Each structure stands twice: as C-alpha cells, then as structure tokens.
N, C-alpha and C. Protein backbone atom coordinates (compact mmCIF):
# COMPACT_ATOMS: atom_id res chain seq x y z
N MET A 1 63.05 -89.66 -20.21
CA MET A 1 63.11 -88.24 -20.05
C MET A 1 64.32 -87.72 -20.83
N ALA A 2 64.12 -86.68 -21.62
CA ALA A 2 65.19 -86.13 -22.43
C ALA A 2 66.12 -85.28 -21.57
N ALA A 3 67.41 -85.36 -21.90
CA ALA A 3 68.40 -84.55 -21.19
C ALA A 3 68.31 -83.11 -21.69
N THR A 4 68.50 -82.19 -20.77
CA THR A 4 68.47 -80.78 -21.17
C THR A 4 69.88 -80.28 -21.36
N ASN A 5 70.02 -79.33 -22.23
CA ASN A 5 71.32 -78.72 -22.51
C ASN A 5 71.51 -77.57 -21.53
N PRO A 6 72.47 -77.66 -20.59
CA PRO A 6 72.64 -76.59 -19.60
C PRO A 6 73.05 -75.27 -20.25
N HIS A 7 73.81 -75.32 -21.35
CA HIS A 7 74.21 -74.09 -22.04
C HIS A 7 72.98 -73.38 -22.60
N ARG A 8 72.07 -74.14 -23.17
CA ARG A 8 70.85 -73.57 -23.73
C ARG A 8 70.01 -72.91 -22.62
N ALA A 9 69.91 -73.57 -21.48
CA ALA A 9 69.14 -73.01 -20.37
C ALA A 9 69.76 -71.71 -19.87
N THR A 10 71.09 -71.68 -19.79
CA THR A 10 71.78 -70.47 -19.34
C THR A 10 71.58 -69.35 -20.34
N THR A 11 71.71 -69.65 -21.62
CA THR A 11 71.52 -68.65 -22.66
C THR A 11 70.09 -68.11 -22.65
N MET A 12 69.12 -68.99 -22.49
CA MET A 12 67.72 -68.55 -22.44
C MET A 12 67.48 -67.68 -21.21
N ALA A 13 68.06 -68.03 -20.08
CA ALA A 13 67.89 -67.24 -18.86
C ALA A 13 68.51 -65.86 -19.05
N ALA A 14 69.67 -65.79 -19.68
CA ALA A 14 70.32 -64.50 -19.92
C ALA A 14 69.46 -63.64 -20.84
N ARG A 15 68.89 -64.23 -21.86
CA ARG A 15 68.01 -63.48 -22.77
C ARG A 15 66.77 -63.00 -22.04
N PHE A 16 66.21 -63.84 -21.19
CA PHE A 16 65.03 -63.45 -20.42
C PHE A 16 65.35 -62.26 -19.54
N ASP A 17 66.51 -62.29 -18.87
CA ASP A 17 66.92 -61.18 -18.01
C ASP A 17 67.08 -59.89 -18.81
N GLU A 18 67.64 -59.99 -20.01
CA GLU A 18 67.81 -58.81 -20.86
C GLU A 18 66.46 -58.22 -21.24
N ILE A 19 65.53 -59.07 -21.56
CA ILE A 19 64.21 -58.62 -21.98
C ILE A 19 63.45 -58.01 -20.81
N GLN A 20 63.59 -58.57 -19.63
CA GLN A 20 62.82 -58.15 -18.47
C GLN A 20 63.40 -56.93 -17.76
N THR A 21 64.61 -56.52 -18.11
CA THR A 21 65.25 -55.42 -17.40
C THR A 21 65.51 -54.25 -18.35
N PRO A 22 64.53 -53.35 -18.51
CA PRO A 22 64.78 -52.20 -19.38
C PRO A 22 65.80 -51.26 -18.74
N SER A 23 66.52 -50.55 -19.58
CA SER A 23 67.51 -49.60 -19.07
C SER A 23 66.79 -48.43 -18.39
N VAL A 24 67.53 -47.67 -17.63
CA VAL A 24 66.97 -46.49 -16.97
C VAL A 24 66.43 -45.53 -18.03
N LYS A 25 67.16 -45.39 -19.13
CA LYS A 25 66.71 -44.51 -20.21
C LYS A 25 65.37 -44.99 -20.77
N GLN A 26 65.24 -46.29 -21.00
CA GLN A 26 63.98 -46.85 -21.51
C GLN A 26 62.85 -46.63 -20.51
N GLN A 27 63.14 -46.81 -19.23
CA GLN A 27 62.12 -46.59 -18.20
C GLN A 27 61.69 -45.13 -18.18
N ALA A 28 62.67 -44.23 -18.28
CA ALA A 28 62.37 -42.80 -18.26
C ALA A 28 61.52 -42.40 -19.47
N MET A 29 61.86 -42.93 -20.63
CA MET A 29 61.10 -42.60 -21.84
C MET A 29 59.67 -43.11 -21.74
N ALA A 30 59.50 -44.31 -21.19
CA ALA A 30 58.15 -44.85 -21.01
C ALA A 30 57.37 -43.99 -20.03
N PHE A 31 58.04 -43.55 -18.98
CA PHE A 31 57.42 -42.69 -17.97
C PHE A 31 57.00 -41.37 -18.61
N LEU A 32 57.90 -40.77 -19.38
CA LEU A 32 57.61 -39.49 -20.04
C LEU A 32 56.42 -39.60 -21.00
N SER A 33 56.33 -40.73 -21.68
CA SER A 33 55.25 -40.89 -22.66
C SER A 33 53.87 -40.92 -22.01
N GLN A 34 53.82 -41.17 -20.71
CA GLN A 34 52.54 -41.22 -20.00
C GLN A 34 52.10 -39.85 -19.48
N LEU A 35 53.00 -38.88 -19.50
CA LEU A 35 52.68 -37.55 -18.99
C LEU A 35 51.97 -36.72 -20.06
N PRO A 36 51.16 -35.75 -19.64
CA PRO A 36 50.49 -34.90 -20.63
C PRO A 36 51.50 -34.04 -21.39
N ASP A 37 51.14 -33.64 -22.60
CA ASP A 37 52.04 -32.84 -23.42
C ASP A 37 52.36 -31.49 -22.81
N ASP A 38 51.48 -30.97 -21.98
CA ASP A 38 51.71 -29.64 -21.41
C ASP A 38 52.31 -29.69 -20.00
N VAL A 39 52.96 -30.79 -19.64
CA VAL A 39 53.58 -30.91 -18.32
C VAL A 39 54.65 -29.84 -18.16
N SER A 40 54.70 -29.24 -16.98
CA SER A 40 55.72 -28.22 -16.72
C SER A 40 56.99 -28.90 -16.22
N TRP A 41 58.11 -28.15 -16.24
CA TRP A 41 59.36 -28.68 -15.72
C TRP A 41 59.21 -29.01 -14.24
N GLU A 42 58.49 -28.17 -13.52
CA GLU A 42 58.29 -28.40 -12.09
C GLU A 42 57.50 -29.69 -11.85
N GLN A 43 56.43 -29.89 -12.63
CA GLN A 43 55.65 -31.12 -12.49
C GLN A 43 56.48 -32.34 -12.87
N LEU A 44 57.27 -32.19 -13.93
CA LEU A 44 58.12 -33.29 -14.38
C LEU A 44 59.11 -33.69 -13.29
N ALA A 45 59.77 -32.70 -12.70
CA ALA A 45 60.73 -32.97 -11.63
C ALA A 45 60.05 -33.64 -10.44
N HIS A 46 58.85 -33.17 -10.11
CA HIS A 46 58.09 -33.74 -9.00
C HIS A 46 57.74 -35.21 -9.28
N GLU A 47 57.24 -35.49 -10.48
CA GLU A 47 56.87 -36.86 -10.84
C GLU A 47 58.08 -37.78 -10.84
N PHE A 48 59.21 -37.30 -11.37
CA PHE A 48 60.43 -38.10 -11.35
C PHE A 48 60.90 -38.37 -9.93
N ALA A 49 60.80 -37.38 -9.05
CA ALA A 49 61.22 -37.56 -7.66
C ALA A 49 60.38 -38.64 -6.98
N ILE A 50 59.08 -38.61 -7.23
CA ILE A 50 58.20 -39.63 -6.65
C ILE A 50 58.55 -41.01 -7.19
N ALA A 51 58.69 -41.10 -8.52
CA ALA A 51 59.01 -42.39 -9.14
C ALA A 51 60.35 -42.92 -8.65
N ALA A 52 61.34 -42.03 -8.51
CA ALA A 52 62.65 -42.46 -8.03
C ALA A 52 62.57 -42.95 -6.59
N GLY A 53 61.80 -42.28 -5.77
CA GLY A 53 61.63 -42.71 -4.38
C GLY A 53 60.97 -44.08 -4.28
N VAL A 54 59.96 -44.29 -5.10
CA VAL A 54 59.28 -45.59 -5.11
C VAL A 54 60.24 -46.68 -5.58
N ALA A 55 60.96 -46.41 -6.67
CA ALA A 55 61.91 -47.40 -7.20
C ALA A 55 62.99 -47.73 -6.17
N GLU A 56 63.50 -46.72 -5.49
CA GLU A 56 64.53 -46.93 -4.47
C GLU A 56 63.99 -47.78 -3.33
N SER A 57 62.78 -47.52 -2.92
CA SER A 57 62.17 -48.30 -1.83
C SER A 57 61.98 -49.75 -2.23
N ILE A 58 61.58 -49.96 -3.47
CA ILE A 58 61.39 -51.33 -3.96
C ILE A 58 62.73 -52.06 -4.00
N GLU A 59 63.77 -51.39 -4.51
CA GLU A 59 65.09 -52.00 -4.60
C GLU A 59 65.63 -52.35 -3.22
N GLU A 60 65.30 -51.56 -2.23
CA GLU A 60 65.79 -51.80 -0.87
C GLU A 60 64.84 -52.68 -0.06
N ASP A 61 63.81 -53.20 -0.73
CA ASP A 61 62.80 -54.06 -0.08
C ASP A 61 62.16 -53.38 1.12
N GLN A 62 61.96 -52.09 1.01
CA GLN A 62 61.28 -51.36 2.07
C GLN A 62 59.80 -51.28 1.71
N ILE A 63 59.01 -52.02 2.41
CA ILE A 63 57.57 -52.05 2.16
C ILE A 63 56.90 -51.22 3.26
N ALA A 64 56.11 -50.25 2.84
CA ALA A 64 55.44 -49.37 3.80
C ALA A 64 54.00 -49.81 4.00
N ASP A 65 53.49 -49.59 5.19
CA ASP A 65 52.08 -49.89 5.42
C ASP A 65 51.24 -48.75 4.82
N PRO A 66 49.95 -48.97 4.60
CA PRO A 66 49.09 -47.97 3.96
C PRO A 66 49.10 -46.60 4.63
N ALA A 67 49.19 -46.56 5.96
CA ALA A 67 49.22 -45.28 6.67
C ALA A 67 50.49 -44.49 6.32
N GLN A 68 51.62 -45.19 6.20
CA GLN A 68 52.87 -44.53 5.82
C GLN A 68 52.78 -43.98 4.40
N VAL A 69 52.19 -44.76 3.51
CA VAL A 69 52.04 -44.33 2.12
C VAL A 69 51.16 -43.08 2.06
N ALA A 70 50.03 -43.11 2.76
CA ALA A 70 49.12 -41.96 2.77
C ALA A 70 49.82 -40.73 3.32
N ALA A 71 50.64 -40.90 4.36
CA ALA A 71 51.36 -39.77 4.94
C ALA A 71 52.37 -39.19 3.96
N LEU A 72 53.06 -40.05 3.23
CA LEU A 72 54.02 -39.56 2.23
C LEU A 72 53.32 -38.80 1.11
N PHE A 73 52.20 -39.33 0.64
CA PHE A 73 51.45 -38.64 -0.40
C PHE A 73 50.92 -37.30 0.13
N ALA A 74 50.43 -37.29 1.36
CA ALA A 74 49.91 -36.05 1.95
C ALA A 74 51.02 -35.00 2.04
N LYS A 75 52.22 -35.45 2.40
CA LYS A 75 53.35 -34.54 2.48
C LYS A 75 53.66 -33.94 1.12
N ALA A 76 53.42 -34.70 0.05
CA ALA A 76 53.66 -34.22 -1.31
C ALA A 76 52.47 -33.43 -1.85
N GLY A 77 51.41 -33.29 -1.03
CA GLY A 77 50.25 -32.52 -1.45
C GLY A 77 49.23 -33.32 -2.24
N VAL A 78 49.30 -34.64 -2.17
CA VAL A 78 48.37 -35.49 -2.90
C VAL A 78 47.42 -36.14 -1.91
N ARG A 79 46.14 -35.93 -2.12
CA ARG A 79 45.14 -36.55 -1.23
C ARG A 79 44.65 -37.84 -1.87
N LEU A 80 44.74 -38.92 -1.15
CA LEU A 80 44.30 -40.22 -1.65
C LEU A 80 42.81 -40.41 -1.36
N ALA A 81 42.11 -41.00 -2.32
CA ALA A 81 40.69 -41.31 -2.13
C ALA A 81 40.56 -42.46 -1.15
N ALA A 82 39.52 -42.43 -0.36
CA ALA A 82 39.30 -43.46 0.63
C ALA A 82 38.79 -44.73 0.00
C-alpha cells in the first residue's frame, strides 16, 4: 500500500472547501439571475427575506416539519400545492 502525503491531502481538502463554499455575493448573484427581468424591488426584497430565513434555519440546524413549512408559506401569502 502506498503512503499518502498528508500535506497533499490537506491542500486538496482546502481547495475542495474553497470550491464548495461560494461567497455571499456569488450566492446573491446566482439567486438574482434566476429572477425574472421585470422583478420589482418589493418582490426582490421578499424573495431575499425568504432565502435568508431558509439559509439561517439551515445554518442553525432547525428542521421544520411540513405543517410548519406550510404555515410559514401561508403567512407569506404563498399557497402550496397538495
């Protein structure tokens, strides 16, 4: 069995982390590119607020059950299909 170079493994892991973690600016630009060209400022703010709430919940490992998710969407005026 060949010996592995621990420095190489560390360097590769660091590169993988860099590739897998886009900056907030990159995430925002990707998000914006998915919106229609005629999006209003109000719609944009609303979409960002939803995305930020989801991201914050994921970072805090807060997993909601489907009923909680449906209630949050209903509060935002979004009706989910059954």
